[in-house]
């Protein structure tokens, strides 16, 4: 629904909402992180509301506001209740936030550098055996679904991240995570732990993940996955190695397609057994597809089929001939 309003009314709405966000939806995190994140979030909110309001064809004084779109953006903002999210995304540009919440967001870091420095200080870990003064910031980019390692150029950091399959974007080291984001925290903790062990100070904004990195508490990475392919909703088996290829190819109606083995979900039992025997993990989306196939099969109405009761026909003609008189007919006798 679109509503025409004066520009000062729109300004008041934007200011009141953004200024009261810390009361409406408090952020979780350390006090310094929350203080910094609240400033970032407030700036984002004001710019977002004003962006949607300034779609006016009425001139400079009347503005047309799309209330439904603004409510959608508000829901997004209120759902991000961790201070670490706003800090990690503080450098998002116009197009990146547009894809994140189907809108335009723009914000600048707060000018109070002391707040920023204090927030960074409490989120930075310095290992006992420190070998470089370069600090690596580890963050998750939700829009691109990648883990980023941002730092100044340093040979120790380069060696560590390369061994963990990170690529260079031209600005940061990055690595794509699985689409379902199941192991993001573990992968962030892993790269953080490896960097710390190599003597590199790190920043991880999320306190729980930071503790996992310090204590080396992360699940070993799995390279064997059974997933649901988003483009065609098929079950895909992802792996490395010829031996696994041969095993996967034995599954019913398995087909190699563009670097993955596809198997119809109706063979849910065989797929689950294959995963268990060969240490594959099944993504939630794939498990949902398999469970649906199982439920569909159980819902099938079974019909008892009877075998036809067909009586065997006897060849009576031959029996009649054999039973007939063995005497030679008169017209066949020799004269």
C-alpha atoms as a PDB file:
ATOM      1  CA  UNK A   1       0.000   0.000   0.000  1.00  0.00           C
ATOM      2  CA  UNK A   2       1.383   3.395  -0.975  1.00  0.00           C
ATOM      3  CA  UNK A   3       0.755   6.450   1.174  1.00  0.00           C
ATOM      4  CA  UNK A   4       1.460  10.090   0.305  1.00  0.00           C
ATOM      5  CA  UNK A   5       3.163  11.978   3.118  1.00  0.00           C
ATOM      6  CA  UNK A   6       5.135  15.170   3.676  1.00  0.00           C
ATOM      7  CA  UNK A   7       8.911  14.789   3.691  1.00  0.00           C
ATOM      8  CA  UNK A   8       9.228  15.869   7.339  1.00  0.00           C
ATOM      9  CA  UNK A   9       6.753  13.158   8.363  1.00  0.00           C
ATOM     10  CA  UNK A  10       8.891  10.550   6.660  1.00  0.00           C
ATOM     11  CA  UNK A  11      11.977  11.929   8.389  1.00  0.00           C
ATOM     12  CA  UNK A  12      10.286  11.632  11.787  1.00  0.00           C
ATOM     13  CA  UNK A  13       9.299   8.019  11.100  1.00  0.00           C
ATOM     14  CA  UNK A  14      12.832   7.115  10.087  1.00  0.00           C
ATOM     15  CA  UNK A  15      14.428   8.914  13.049  1.00  0.00           C
ATOM     16  CA  UNK A  16      12.014   7.550  15.674  1.00  0.00           C
ATOM     17  CA  UNK A  17      12.288   3.969  14.502  1.00  0.00           C
ATOM     18  CA  UNK A  18      16.072   3.943  14.162  1.00  0.00           C
ATOM     19  CA  UNK A  19      16.680   5.781  17.443  1.00  0.00           C
ATOM     20  CA  UNK A  20      14.562   3.298  19.401  1.00  0.00           C
ATOM     21  CA  UNK A  21      15.928   0.121  17.857  1.00  0.00           C
ATOM     22  CA  UNK A  22      18.120  -0.665  20.859  1.00  0.00           C
ATOM     23  CA  UNK A  23      14.949  -0.719  22.998  1.00  0.00           C
ATOM     24  CA  UNK A  24      12.712  -2.465  20.471  1.00  0.00           C
ATOM     25  CA  UNK A  25      15.214  -5.199  19.578  1.00  0.00           C
ATOM     26  CA  UNK A  26      18.310  -5.290  21.811  1.00  0.00           C
ATOM     27  CA  UNK A  27      21.405  -6.818  20.242  1.00  0.00           C
ATOM     28  CA  UNK A  28      23.392  -9.627  21.823  1.00  0.00           C
ATOM     29  CA  UNK A  29      27.155  -9.376  22.204  1.00  0.00           C
ATOM     30  CA  UNK A  30      29.703  -7.648  24.357  1.00  0.00           C
ATOM     31  CA  UNK A  31      28.878  -4.099  25.531  1.00  0.00           C
ATOM     32  CA  UNK A  32      31.364  -2.490  23.128  1.00  0.00           C
ATOM     33  CA  UNK A  33      30.208  -4.596  20.182  1.00  0.00           C
ATOM     34  CA  UNK A  34      26.569  -3.744  20.934  1.00  0.00           C
ATOM     35  CA  UNK A  35      27.381  -0.028  21.169  1.00  0.00           C
ATOM     36  CA  UNK A  36      29.149  -0.064  17.804  1.00  0.00           C
ATOM     37  CA  UNK A  37      26.573  -2.305  16.125  1.00  0.00           C
ATOM     38  CA  UNK A  38      23.667  -0.141  17.321  1.00  0.00           C
ATOM     39  CA  UNK A  39      25.177   2.873  15.549  1.00  0.00           C
ATOM     40  CA  UNK A  40      25.636   0.877  12.332  1.00  0.00           C
ATOM     41  CA  UNK A  41      22.109  -0.560  12.484  1.00  0.00           C
ATOM     42  CA  UNK A  42      20.515   2.833  13.180  1.00  0.00           C
ATOM     43  CA  UNK A  43      22.268   4.372  10.171  1.00  0.00           C
ATOM     44  CA  UNK A  44      21.182   1.468   7.951  1.00  0.00           C
ATOM     45  CA  UNK A  45      17.567   1.795   9.086  1.00  0.00           C
ATOM     46  CA  UNK A  46      17.320   5.539   8.475  1.00  0.00           C
ATOM     47  CA  UNK A  47      18.759   5.245   4.981  1.00  0.00           C
ATOM     48  CA  UNK A  48      16.553   2.287   4.172  1.00  0.00           C
ATOM     49  CA  UNK A  49      13.299   4.021   5.116  1.00  0.00           C
ATOM     50  CA  UNK A  50      14.292   7.194   3.280  1.00  0.00           C
ATOM     51  CA  UNK A  51      15.243   5.209   0.169  1.00  0.00           C
ATOM     52  CA  UNK A  52      11.824   3.606  -0.075  1.00  0.00           C
ATOM     53  CA  UNK A  53      10.086   6.886   0.613  1.00  0.00           C
ATOM     54  CA  UNK A  54      11.880   8.821  -2.129  1.00  0.00           C
ATOM     55  CA  UNK A  55      10.094   7.197  -5.047  1.00  0.00           C
ATOM     56  CA  UNK A  56       7.871  10.213  -5.440  1.00  0.00           C
ATOM     57  CA  UNK A  57       6.480  11.717  -8.619  1.00  0.00           C
ATOM     58  CA  UNK A  58       4.766  14.452  -6.649  1.00  0.00           C
ATOM     59  CA  UNK A  59       7.682  16.836  -6.316  1.00  0.00           C
ATOM     60  CA  UNK A  60       9.965  17.757  -3.431  1.00  0.00           C
ATOM     61  CA  UNK A  61       7.387  18.137  -0.682  1.00  0.00           C
ATOM     62  CA  UNK A  62       5.087  15.190  -1.146  1.00  0.00           C
ATOM     63  CA  UNK A  63       6.606  11.743  -0.862  1.00  0.00           C
ATOM     64  CA  UNK A  64       5.075   8.380  -1.665  1.00  0.00           C
ATOM     65  CA  UNK A  65       5.907   5.686   0.899  1.00  0.00           C
ATOM     66  CA  UNK A  66       5.441   1.968   0.244  1.00  0.00           C
ATOM     67  CA  UNK A  67       4.434   0.719   3.689  1.00  0.00           C
ATOM     68  CA  UNK A  68       4.540  -2.991   2.772  1.00  0.00           C
ATOM     69  CA  UNK A  69       8.093  -2.800   1.483  1.00  0.00           C
ATOM     70  CA  UNK A  70       9.227  -0.847   4.527  1.00  0.00           C
ATOM     71  CA  UNK A  71       7.638  -3.422   6.844  1.00  0.00           C
ATOM     72  CA  UNK A  72       9.525  -6.152   5.038  1.00  0.00           C
ATOM     73  CA  UNK A  73      12.800  -4.297   5.517  1.00  0.00           C
ATOM     74  CA  UNK A  74      11.958  -3.723   9.185  1.00  0.00           C
ATOM     75  CA  UNK A  75      11.391  -7.458   9.683  1.00  0.00           C
ATOM     76  CA  UNK A  76      14.832  -8.129   8.215  1.00  0.00           C
ATOM     77  CA  UNK A  77      16.491  -5.572  10.480  1.00  0.00           C
ATOM     78  CA  UNK A  78      14.745  -6.853  13.613  1.00  0.00           C
ATOM     79  CA  UNK A  79      15.652 -10.453  12.776  1.00  0.00           C
ATOM     80  CA  UNK A  80      19.387  -9.680  12.843  1.00  0.00           C
ATOM     81  CA  UNK A  81      19.770  -9.570  16.616  1.00  0.00           C
ATOM     82  CA  UNK A  82      23.499 -10.258  16.921  1.00  0.00           C
ATOM     83  CA  UNK A  83      25.930  -7.365  17.134  1.00  0.00           C
ATOM     84  CA  UNK A  84      28.442  -9.471  15.196  1.00  0.00           C
ATOM     85  CA  UNK A  85      26.173  -9.476  12.113  1.00  0.00           C
ATOM     86  CA  UNK A  86      26.154  -5.687  11.793  1.00  0.00           C
ATOM     87  CA  UNK A  87      29.880  -5.410  12.434  1.00  0.00           C
ATOM     88  CA  UNK A  88      30.743  -8.119   9.906  1.00  0.00           C
ATOM     89  CA  UNK A  89      28.538  -6.462   7.275  1.00  0.00           C
ATOM     90  CA  UNK A  90      29.640  -2.888   7.934  1.00  0.00           C
ATOM     91  CA  UNK A  91      31.345  -2.691   4.534  1.00  0.00           C
ATOM     92  CA  UNK A  92      28.393  -3.870   2.441  1.00  0.00           C
ATOM     93  CA  UNK A  93      27.873  -1.785  -0.650  1.00  0.00           C
ATOM     94  CA  UNK A  94      24.690  -0.705  -2.432  1.00  0.00           C
ATOM     95  CA  UNK A  95      24.228  -3.797  -4.586  1.00  0.00           C
ATOM     96  CA  UNK A  96      25.117  -6.338  -1.908  1.00  0.00           C
ATOM     97  CA  UNK A  97      22.451  -5.121   0.518  1.00  0.00           C
ATOM     98  CA  UNK A  98      19.971  -4.822  -2.318  1.00  0.00           C
ATOM     99  CA  UNK A  99      20.324  -8.565  -2.896  1.00  0.00           C
ATOM    100  CA  UNK A 100      20.239  -9.302   0.828  1.00  0.00           C
ATOM    101  CA  UNK A 101      16.917  -7.639   1.629  1.00  0.00           C
ATOM    102  CA  UNK A 102      15.664  -6.549  -1.774  1.00  0.00           C
ATOM    103  CA  UNK A 103      16.355  -2.956  -0.931  1.00  0.00           C
ATOM    104  CA  UNK A 104      19.125  -0.377  -0.869  1.00  0.00           C
ATOM    105  CA  UNK A 105      21.164   0.155   2.257  1.00  0.00           C
ATOM    106  CA  UNK A 106      24.071   2.436   2.757  1.00  0.00           C
ATOM    107  CA  UNK A 107      25.918   3.254   5.919  1.00  0.00           C
ATOM    108  CA  UNK A 108      29.191   4.620   7.165  1.00  0.00           C
ATOM    109  CA  UNK A 109      31.219   3.548  10.151  1.00  0.00           C
ATOM    110  CA  UNK A 110      30.582   5.724  13.199  1.00  0.00           C
ATOM    111  CA  UNK A 111      33.041   8.530  13.750  1.00  0.00           C
ATOM    112  CA  UNK A 112      33.749   7.548  17.350  1.00  0.00           C
ATOM    113  CA  UNK A 113      36.979   5.695  16.629  1.00  0.00           C
ATOM    114  CA  UNK A 114      37.460   4.887  20.311  1.00  0.00           C
ATOM    115  CA  UNK A 115      34.318   2.743  20.261  1.00  0.00           C
ATOM    116  CA  UNK A 116      35.546   0.920  17.160  1.00  0.00           C
ATOM    117  CA  UNK A 117      38.992   0.381  18.596  1.00  0.00           C
ATOM    118  CA  UNK A 118      37.618  -0.958  21.865  1.00  0.00           C
ATOM    119  CA  UNK A 119      35.235  -3.319  20.080  1.00  0.00           C
ATOM    120  CA  UNK A 120      38.076  -4.603  17.922  1.00  0.00           C
ATOM    121  CA  UNK A 121      40.360  -4.953  20.911  1.00  0.00           C
ATOM    122  CA  UNK A 122      37.997  -7.194  22.867  1.00  0.00           C
ATOM    123  CA  UNK A 123      37.371  -9.400  19.828  1.00  0.00           C
ATOM    124  CA  UNK A 124      41.055  -9.842  18.915  1.00  0.00           C
ATOM    125  CA  UNK A 125      42.991 -12.900  20.049  1.00  0.00           C
ATOM    126  CA  UNK A 126      46.794 -12.760  20.303  1.00  0.00           C
ATOM    127  CA  UNK A 127      48.484 -16.182  20.506  1.00  0.00           C
ATOM    128  CA  UNK A 128      51.332 -16.731  22.977  1.00  0.00           C
ATOM    129  CA  UNK A 129      53.670 -17.675  20.149  1.00  0.00           C
ATOM    130  CA  UNK A 130      52.839 -14.625  18.008  1.00  0.00           C
ATOM    131  CA  UNK A 131      54.910 -14.478  14.809  1.00  0.00           C
ATOM    132  CA  UNK A 132      53.345 -11.542  12.960  1.00  0.00           C
ATOM    133  CA  UNK A 133      51.752  -8.229  13.868  1.00  0.00           C
ATOM    134  CA  UNK A 134      49.267  -8.534  11.008  1.00  0.00           C
ATOM    135  CA  UNK A 135      45.758  -9.306  12.285  1.00  0.00           C
ATOM    136  CA  UNK A 136      43.378 -11.488  10.238  1.00  0.00           C
ATOM    137  CA  UNK A 137      39.656 -10.722  10.460  1.00  0.00           C
ATOM    138  CA  UNK A 138      37.439 -13.772   9.899  1.00  0.00           C
ATOM    139  CA  UNK A 139      33.807 -13.176   8.970  1.00  0.00           C
ATOM    140  CA  UNK A 140      30.903 -14.841   7.185  1.00  0.00           C
ATOM    141  CA  UNK A 141      29.336 -13.086   4.189  1.00  0.00           C
ATOM    142  CA  UNK A 142      25.707 -14.170   4.293  1.00  0.00           C
ATOM    143  CA  UNK A 143      24.811 -12.777   0.872  1.00  0.00           C
ATOM    144  CA  UNK A 144      27.653 -14.495  -1.001  1.00  0.00           C
ATOM    145  CA  UNK A 145      27.707 -17.506   1.321  1.00  0.00           C
ATOM    146  CA  UNK A 146      31.473 -17.290   1.787  1.00  0.00           C
ATOM    147  CA  UNK A 147      33.900 -17.130   4.691  1.00  0.00           C
ATOM    148  CA  UNK A 148      36.283 -14.184   4.349  1.00  0.00           C
ATOM    149  CA  UNK A 149      39.756 -13.773   5.807  1.00  0.00           C
ATOM    150  CA  UNK A 150      40.724 -10.108   5.555  1.00  0.00           C
ATOM    151  CA  UNK A 151      44.215  -8.855   6.408  1.00  0.00           C
ATOM    152  CA  UNK A 152      47.244  -7.032   5.144  1.00  0.00           C
ATOM    153  CA  UNK A 153      49.560  -9.122   2.991  1.00  0.00           C
ATOM    154  CA  UNK A 154      51.393 -11.690   5.104  1.00  0.00           C
ATOM    155  CA  UNK A 155      53.162 -14.892   4.029  1.00  0.00           C
ATOM    156  CA  UNK A 156      52.114 -16.851   7.138  1.00  0.00           C
ATOM    157  CA  UNK A 157      48.429 -16.074   6.571  1.00  0.00           C
ATOM    158  CA  UNK A 158      48.733 -16.932   2.873  1.00  0.00           C
ATOM    159  CA  UNK A 159      50.267 -20.325   3.622  1.00  0.00           C
ATOM    160  CA  UNK A 160      47.567 -21.200   6.163  1.00  0.00           C
ATOM    161  CA  UNK A 161      44.529 -20.217   4.110  1.00  0.00           C
ATOM    162  CA  UNK A 162      45.834 -21.843   0.921  1.00  0.00           C
ATOM    163  CA  UNK A 163      46.071 -25.187   2.723  1.00  0.00           C
ATOM    164  CA  UNK A 164      42.405 -24.777   3.658  1.00  0.00           C
ATOM    165  CA  UNK A 165      41.376 -24.211   0.015  1.00  0.00           C
ATOM    166  CA  UNK A 166      40.822 -20.445   0.218  1.00  0.00           C
ATOM    167  CA  UNK A 167      40.963 -18.338  -2.959  1.00  0.00           C
ATOM    168  CA  UNK A 168      42.077 -14.748  -3.467  1.00  0.00           C
ATOM    169  CA  UNK A 169      39.418 -12.283  -4.680  1.00  0.00           C
ATOM    170  CA  UNK A 170      41.804  -9.388  -5.159  1.00  0.00           C
ATOM    171  CA  UNK A 171      40.840  -7.932  -1.776  1.00  0.00           C
ATOM    172  CA  UNK A 172      40.277 -10.819   0.635  1.00  0.00           C
ATOM    173  CA  UNK A 173      40.849 -14.539   0.938  1.00  0.00           C
ATOM    174  CA  UNK A 174      37.556 -16.363   0.675  1.00  0.00           C
ATOM    175  CA  UNK A 175      36.060 -19.798   0.562  1.00  0.00           C
ATOM    176  CA  UNK A 176      32.561 -20.847  -0.422  1.00  0.00           C
ATOM    177  CA  UNK A 177      30.625 -22.796   2.160  1.00  0.00           C
ATOM    178  CA  UNK A 178      28.010 -25.418   1.534  1.00  0.00           C
ATOM    179  CA  UNK A 179      24.715 -23.811   0.455  1.00  0.00           C
ATOM    180  CA  UNK A 180      22.910 -25.017   3.534  1.00  0.00           C
ATOM    181  CA  UNK A 181      25.461 -23.262   5.803  1.00  0.00           C
ATOM    182  CA  UNK A 182      25.563 -26.293   8.077  1.00  0.00           C
ATOM    183  CA  UNK A 183      29.269 -26.079   8.897  1.00  0.00           C
ATOM    184  CA  UNK A 184      29.949 -22.324   8.744  1.00  0.00           C
ATOM    185  CA  UNK A 185      30.789 -21.986  12.446  1.00  0.00           C
ATOM    186  CA  UNK A 186      33.123 -24.994  12.333  1.00  0.00           C
ATOM    187  CA  UNK A 187      34.928 -23.751   9.231  1.00  0.00           C
ATOM    188  CA  UNK A 188      35.368 -20.266  10.742  1.00  0.00           C
ATOM    189  CA  UNK A 189      36.670 -21.846  13.949  1.00  0.00           C
ATOM    190  CA  UNK A 190      39.018 -24.078  11.971  1.00  0.00           C
ATOM    191  CA  UNK A 191      40.690 -21.307   9.970  1.00  0.00           C
ATOM    192  CA  UNK A 192      40.866 -19.205  13.135  1.00  0.00           C
ATOM    193  CA  UNK A 193      42.482 -22.042  15.076  1.00  0.00           C
ATOM    194  CA  UNK A 194      45.007 -22.774  12.306  1.00  0.00           C
ATOM    195  CA  UNK A 195      45.986 -19.100  12.094  1.00  0.00           C
ATOM    196  CA  UNK A 196      46.398 -18.845  15.867  1.00  0.00           C
ATOM    197  CA  UNK A 197      48.573 -21.963  15.921  1.00  0.00           C
ATOM    198  CA  UNK A 198      50.684 -20.396  13.161  1.00  0.00           C
ATOM    199  CA  UNK A 199      51.202 -17.302  15.342  1.00  0.00           C
ATOM    200  CA  UNK A 200      48.672 -14.980  13.676  1.00  0.00           C
ATOM    201  CA  UNK A 201      46.369 -12.718  15.744  1.00  0.00           C
ATOM    202  CA  UNK A 202      42.739 -13.001  14.649  1.00  0.00           C
ATOM    203  CA  UNK A 203      39.424 -11.192  14.967  1.00  0.00           C
ATOM    204  CA  UNK A 204      36.178 -13.156  15.116  1.00  0.00           C
ATOM    205  CA  UNK A 205      33.187 -11.069  16.141  1.00  0.00           C
ATOM    206  CA  UNK A 206      30.939 -13.920  17.246  1.00  0.00           C
ATOM    207  CA  UNK A 207      32.001 -14.856  20.786  1.00  0.00           C
ATOM    208  CA  UNK A 208      30.947 -18.525  20.571  1.00  0.00           C
ATOM    209  CA  UNK A 209      32.883 -19.077  17.335  1.00  0.00           C
ATOM    210  CA  UNK A 210      35.852 -17.194  18.749  1.00  0.00           C
ATOM    211  CA  UNK A 211      35.958 -19.597  21.723  1.00  0.00           C
ATOM    212  CA  UNK A 212      35.779 -22.589  19.381  1.00  0.00           C
ATOM    213  CA  UNK A 213      38.801 -21.235  17.505  1.00  0.00           C
ATOM    214  CA  UNK A 214      40.764 -20.726  20.716  1.00  0.00           C
ATOM    215  CA  UNK A 215      39.999 -24.198  22.037  1.00  0.00           C
ATOM    216  CA  UNK A 216      40.250 -26.009  18.702  1.00  0.00           C
ATOM    217  CA  UNK A 217      36.689 -27.244  19.077  1.00  0.00           C
ATOM    218  CA  UNK A 218      35.335 -27.750  15.609  1.00  0.00           C
ATOM    219  CA  UNK A 219      34.004 -30.678  13.652  1.00  0.00           C
ATOM    220  CA  UNK A 220      36.334 -32.128  11.044  1.00  0.00           C
ATOM    221  CA  UNK A 221      35.364 -31.002   7.565  1.00  0.00           C
ATOM    222  CA  UNK A 222      33.348 -33.466   5.554  1.00  0.00           C
ATOM    223  CA  UNK A 223      33.968 -33.675   1.801  1.00  0.00           C
ATOM    224  CA  UNK A 224      31.301 -36.319   1.206  1.00  0.00           C
ATOM    225  CA  UNK A 225      27.808 -34.930   0.925  1.00  0.00           C
ATOM    226  CA  UNK A 226      24.412 -36.031  -0.309  1.00  0.00           C
ATOM    227  CA  UNK A 227      22.577 -32.884  -1.304  1.00  0.00           C
ATOM    228  CA  UNK A 228      19.473 -31.632  -3.043  1.00  0.00           C
ATOM    229  CA  UNK A 229      20.438 -29.896  -6.252  1.00  0.00           C
ATOM    230  CA  UNK A 230      18.610 -26.565  -6.330  1.00  0.00           C
ATOM    231  CA  UNK A 231      18.352 -26.330 -10.115  1.00  0.00           C
ATOM    232  CA  UNK A 232      16.466 -29.596 -10.699  1.00  0.00           C
ATOM    233  CA  UNK A 233      15.534 -30.817  -7.170  1.00  0.00           C
ATOM    234  CA  UNK A 234      17.440 -34.069  -7.663  1.00  0.00           C
ATOM    235  CA  UNK A 235      19.499 -35.964  -5.134  1.00  0.00           C
ATOM    236  CA  UNK A 236      23.204 -35.351  -5.796  1.00  0.00           C
ATOM    237  CA  UNK A 237      26.152 -37.265  -4.384  1.00  0.00           C
ATOM    238  CA  UNK A 238      29.282 -35.107  -4.099  1.00  0.00           C
ATOM    239  CA  UNK A 239      32.721 -36.618  -3.491  1.00  0.00           C
ATOM    240  CA  UNK A 240      36.305 -36.971  -4.676  1.00  0.00           C
ATOM    241  CA  UNK A 241      37.904 -40.180  -5.876  1.00  0.00           C
ATOM    242  CA  UNK A 242      37.461 -42.938  -8.456  1.00  0.00           C
ATOM    243  CA  UNK A 243      36.663 -45.561  -5.834  1.00  0.00           C
ATOM    244  CA  UNK A 244      33.634 -43.617  -4.594  1.00  0.00           C
ATOM    245  CA  UNK A 245      32.557 -43.046  -8.187  1.00  0.00           C
ATOM    246  CA  UNK A 246      32.395 -46.808  -8.759  1.00  0.00           C
ATOM    247  CA  UNK A 247      30.473 -47.345  -5.539  1.00  0.00           C
ATOM    248  CA  UNK A 248      27.995 -44.544  -6.228  1.00  0.00           C
ATOM    249  CA  UNK A 249      27.490 -45.742  -9.807  1.00  0.00           C
ATOM    250  CA  UNK A 250      26.132 -49.037  -8.433  1.00  0.00           C
ATOM    251  CA  UNK A 251      23.139 -47.264  -6.898  1.00  0.00           C
ATOM    252  CA  UNK A 252      19.862 -47.822  -8.802  1.00  0.00           C
ATOM    253  CA  UNK A 253      19.576 -45.594 -11.879  1.00  0.00           C
ATOM    254  CA  UNK A 254      22.656 -43.587 -10.826  1.00  0.00           C
ATOM    255  CA  UNK A 255      23.779 -41.129 -13.491  1.00  0.00           C
ATOM    256  CA  UNK A 256      26.922 -38.991 -13.713  1.00  0.00           C
ATOM    257  CA  UNK A 257      25.905 -35.414 -14.518  1.00  0.00           C
ATOM    258  CA  UNK A 258      28.186 -32.368 -14.544  1.00  0.00           C
ATOM    259  CA  UNK A 259      30.521 -33.440 -11.752  1.00  0.00           C
ATOM    260  CA  UNK A 260      27.916 -35.113  -9.569  1.00  0.00           C
ATOM    261  CA  UNK A 261      26.187 -38.451  -9.303  1.00  0.00           C
ATOM    262  CA  UNK A 262      22.403 -38.141  -9.389  1.00  0.00           C
ATOM    263  CA  UNK A 263      20.080 -40.815  -8.021  1.00  0.00           C
ATOM    264  CA  UNK A 264      16.252 -40.731  -7.996  1.00  0.00           C
ATOM    265  CA  UNK A 265      14.966 -40.013  -4.502  1.00  0.00           C
ATOM    266  CA  UNK A 266      12.607 -42.996  -4.691  1.00  0.00           C
ATOM    267  CA  UNK A 267      15.623 -45.141  -3.812  1.00  0.00           C
ATOM    268  CA  UNK A 268      15.766 -43.531  -0.378  1.00  0.00           C
ATOM    269  CA  UNK A 269      16.718 -46.754   1.417  1.00  0.00           C
ATOM    270  CA  UNK A 270      19.669 -47.451  -0.867  1.00  0.00           C
ATOM    271  CA  UNK A 271      20.838 -43.811  -0.657  1.00  0.00           C
ATOM    272  CA  UNK A 272      20.744 -43.774   3.150  1.00  0.00           C
ATOM    273  CA  UNK A 273      22.559 -47.116   3.356  1.00  0.00           C
ATOM    274  CA  UNK A 274      25.212 -45.812   0.946  1.00  0.00           C
ATOM    275  CA  UNK A 275      25.666 -42.692   3.078  1.00  0.00           C
ATOM    276  CA  UNK A 276      26.025 -44.702   6.292  1.00  0.00           C
ATOM    277  CA  UNK A 277      28.519 -47.218   4.887  1.00  0.00           C
ATOM    278  CA  UNK A 278      30.688 -44.611   3.133  1.00  0.00           C
ATOM    279  CA  UNK A 279      30.605 -41.827   5.781  1.00  0.00           C
ATOM    280  CA  UNK A 280      28.532 -39.356   3.760  1.00  0.00           C
ATOM    281  CA  UNK A 281      26.495 -36.595   5.383  1.00  0.00           C
ATOM    282  CA  UNK A 282      22.982 -35.823   4.187  1.00  0.00           C
ATOM    283  CA  UNK A 283      21.906 -32.185   4.041  1.00  0.00           C
ATOM    284  CA  UNK A 284      18.570 -31.195   5.620  1.00  0.00           C
ATOM    285  CA  UNK A 285      17.127 -30.369   2.185  1.00  0.00           C
ATOM    286  CA  UNK A 286      18.178 -33.754   0.796  1.00  0.00           C
ATOM    287  CA  UNK A 287      16.811 -35.590   3.842  1.00  0.00           C
ATOM    288  CA  UNK A 288      13.503 -33.777   3.398  1.00  0.00           C
ATOM    289  CA  UNK A 289      13.359 -34.968  -0.211  1.00  0.00           C
ATOM    290  CA  UNK A 290      14.151 -38.556   0.800  1.00  0.00           C
ATOM    291  CA  UNK A 291      11.584 -38.484   3.607  1.00  0.00           C
ATOM    292  CA  UNK A 292       8.951 -37.180   1.210  1.00  0.00           C
ATOM    293  CA  UNK A 293       9.705 -40.033  -1.200  1.00  0.00           C
ATOM    294  CA  UNK A 294       9.404 -42.504   1.671  1.00  0.00           C
ATOM    295  CA  UNK A 295       6.076 -41.039   2.800  1.00  0.00           C
ATOM    296  CA  UNK A 296       4.761 -41.092  -0.768  1.00  0.00           C
ATOM    297  CA  UNK A 297       5.645 -44.751  -1.103  1.00  0.00           C
ATOM    298  CA  UNK A 298       3.991 -45.641   2.189  1.00  0.00           C
ATOM    299  CA  UNK A 299       0.870 -43.807   1.038  1.00  0.00           C
ATOM    300  CA  UNK A 300       0.558 -46.028  -2.021  1.00  0.00           C
ATOM    301  CA  UNK A 301      -2.502 -48.242  -1.840  1.00  0.00           C
ATOM    302  CA  UNK A 302      -1.420 -51.863  -2.125  1.00  0.00           C
ATOM    303  CA  UNK A 303      -3.665 -54.245  -4.035  1.00  0.00           C
ATOM    304  CA  UNK A 304      -3.611 -58.008  -3.633  1.00  0.00           C
ATOM    305  CA  UNK A 305      -3.291 -59.624  -7.050  1.00  0.00           C
ATOM    306  CA  UNK A 306      -4.836 -63.071  -7.576  1.00  0.00           C
ATOM    307  CA  UNK A 307      -3.416 -65.627  -9.918  1.00  0.00           C
ATOM    308  CA  UNK A 308      -5.766 -66.641 -12.711  1.00  0.00           C
ATOM    309  CA  UNK A 309      -7.520 -70.018 -12.117  1.00  0.00           C
ATOM    310  CA  UNK A 310      -7.211 -71.514 -15.609  1.00  0.00           C
ATOM    311  CA  UNK A 311      -8.095 -75.207 -16.085  1.00  0.00           C
ATOM    312  CA  UNK A 312      -5.844 -77.190 -18.317  1.00  0.00           C
ATOM    313  CA  UNK A 313      -7.589 -78.297 -21.523  1.00  0.00           C
ATOM    314  CA  UNK A 314      -7.171 -81.942 -22.462  1.00  0.00           C
ATOM    315  CA  UNK A 315      -6.526 -83.123 -26.003  1.00  0.00           C
ATOM    316  CA  UNK A 316      -9.476 -85.569 -26.249  1.00  0.00           C
ATOM    317  CA  UNK A 317      -9.211 -86.017 -29.998  1.00  0.00           C
ATOM    318  CA  UNK A 318      -5.982 -87.966 -29.762  1.00  0.00           C
ATOM    319  CA  UNK A 319      -7.310 -90.017 -26.881  1.00  0.00           C
ATOM    320  CA  UNK A 320     -10.442 -90.933 -28.866  1.00  0.00           C
ATOM    321  CA  UNK A 321      -8.329 -92.176 -31.769  1.00  0.00           C
ATOM    322  CA  UNK A 322      -6.195 -94.277 -29.485  1.00  0.00           C
ATOM    323  CA  UNK A 323      -9.250 -95.753 -27.818  1.00  0.00           C
ATOM    324  CA  UNK A 324     -10.971 -96.521 -31.114  1.00  0.00           C
ATOM    325  CA  UNK A 325     -11.012 -99.983 -32.669  1.00  0.00           C
ATOM    326  CA  UNK A 326      -7.712-101.137 -34.060  1.00  0.00           C
ATOM    327  CA  UNK A 327      -9.571-102.959 -36.936  1.00  0.00           C
ATOM    328  CA  UNK A 328      -8.841-101.745 -40.451  1.00  0.00           C
ATOM    329  CA  UNK A 329     -11.742-100.064 -42.071  1.00  0.00           C
ATOM    330  CA  UNK A 330     -13.365-102.153 -44.834  1.00  0.00           C
ATOM    331  CA  UNK A 331     -12.666 -99.696 -47.629  1.00  0.00           C
ATOM    332  CA  UNK A 332      -8.979 -99.704 -46.742  1.00  0.00           C
ATOM    333  CA  UNK A 333      -8.555-103.505 -46.920  1.00  0.00           C
ATOM    334  CA  UNK A 334      -6.787-105.123 -49.853  1.00  0.00           C
ATOM    335  CA  UNK A 335      -9.013-106.970 -52.248  1.00  0.00           C
END
